[in-house]
Amino acid sequence: MNVLTQLLLGLGALTLIAVVGTFVGITMATIDDIIAEREQERERSKWRTKK
């Protein structure tokens, strides 16, 4: 295996890690947003029942 092949494999692996990391980050942020929206909705419904 020559140096160029190793370099390309290394870059490919780093790119794959970056893509997967970005996907996981976006997914976690989306899940956090959904949880926050549900908590806000719970708070709103508490206020409605108190009135």
C-alpha atoms as a PDB file:
ATOM      1  CA  MET A   1       0.000   0.000   0.000  1.00  0.00           C
ATOM      2  CA  ASN A   2       1.593   3.255  -1.024  1.00  0.00           C
ATOM      3  CA  VAL A   3       1.462   6.589   0.771  1.00  0.00           C
ATOM      4  CA  LEU A   4      -1.210   8.072  -1.517  1.00  0.00           C
ATOM      5  CA  THR A   5      -3.605   5.190  -0.858  1.00  0.00           C
ATOM      6  CA  GLN A   6      -3.058   5.493   2.894  1.00  0.00           C
ATOM      7  CA  LEU A   7      -3.638   9.248   2.713  1.00  0.00           C
ATOM      8  CA  LEU A   8      -6.876   8.815   0.759  1.00  0.00           C
ATOM      9  CA  LEU A   9      -8.103   6.132   3.171  1.00  0.00           C
ATOM     10  CA  GLY A  10      -7.285   8.385   6.122  1.00  0.00           C
ATOM     11  CA  LEU A  11      -9.123  11.329   4.574  1.00  0.00           C
ATOM     12  CA  GLY A  12     -12.094   9.104   3.769  1.00  0.00           C
ATOM     13  CA  ALA A  13     -12.235   7.844   7.354  1.00  0.00           C
ATOM     14  CA  LEU A  14     -12.051  11.403   8.733  1.00  0.00           C
ATOM     15  CA  THR A  15     -14.785  12.537   6.343  1.00  0.00           C
ATOM     16  CA  LEU A  16     -16.988   9.632   7.401  1.00  0.00           C
ATOM     17  CA  ILE A  17     -16.446  10.465  11.089  1.00  0.00           C
ATOM     18  CA  ALA A  18     -17.291  14.132  10.412  1.00  0.00           C
ATOM     19  CA  VAL A  19     -20.486  13.246   8.519  1.00  0.00           C
ATOM     20  CA  VAL A  20     -21.660  10.793  11.192  1.00  0.00           C
ATOM     21  CA  GLY A  21     -20.800  13.296  13.952  1.00  0.00           C
ATOM     22  CA  THR A  22     -22.730  16.047  12.210  1.00  0.00           C
ATOM     23  CA  PHE A  23     -25.736  13.767  11.732  1.00  0.00           C
ATOM     24  CA  VAL A  24     -25.690  12.708  15.394  1.00  0.00           C
ATOM     25  CA  GLY A  25     -25.353  16.344  16.503  1.00  0.00           C
ATOM     26  CA  ILE A  26     -28.303  17.470  14.385  1.00  0.00           C
ATOM     27  CA  THR A  27     -30.392  14.537  15.618  1.00  0.00           C
ATOM     28  CA  MET A  28     -29.611  15.304  19.274  1.00  0.00           C
ATOM     29  CA  ALA A  29     -30.415  19.005  18.793  1.00  0.00           C
ATOM     30  CA  THR A  30     -33.729  18.096  17.155  1.00  0.00           C
ATOM     31  CA  ILE A  31     -34.618  15.729  20.005  1.00  0.00           C
ATOM     32  CA  ASP A  32     -33.728  18.445  22.551  1.00  0.00           C
ATOM     33  CA  ASP A  33     -36.015  20.892  20.726  1.00  0.00           C
ATOM     34  CA  ILE A  34     -38.883  18.390  20.739  1.00  0.00           C
ATOM     35  CA  ILE A  35     -38.436  17.754  24.479  1.00  0.00           C
ATOM     36  CA  ALA A  36     -38.349  21.509  25.196  1.00  0.00           C
ATOM     37  CA  GLU A  37     -41.535  22.056  23.172  1.00  0.00           C
ATOM     38  CA  ARG A  38     -43.325  19.297  25.088  1.00  0.00           C
ATOM     39  CA  GLU A  39     -42.244  20.804  28.419  1.00  0.00           C
ATOM     40  CA  GLN A  40     -43.501  24.235  27.324  1.00  0.00           C
ATOM     41  CA  GLU A  41     -46.812  22.693  26.301  1.00  0.00           C
ATOM     42  CA  ARG A  42     -47.092  21.049  29.737  1.00  0.00           C
ATOM     43  CA  GLU A  43     -46.450  24.398  31.432  1.00  0.00           C
ATOM     44  CA  ARG A  44     -49.098  26.057  29.254  1.00  0.00           C
ATOM     45  CA  SER A  45     -51.656  23.374  30.056  1.00  0.00           C
ATOM     46  CA  LYS A  46     -50.909  23.802  33.793  1.00  0.00           C
ATOM     47  CA  TRP A  47     -51.638  27.520  33.476  1.00  0.00           C
ATOM     48  CA  ARG A  48     -54.885  26.765  31.619  1.00  0.00           C
ATOM     49  CA  THR A  49     -56.087  24.390  34.328  1.00  0.00           C
ATOM     50  CA  LYS A  50     -55.214  26.863  37.114  1.00  0.00           C
ATOM     51  CA  LYS A  51     -57.399  29.634  35.662  1.00  0.00           C
END
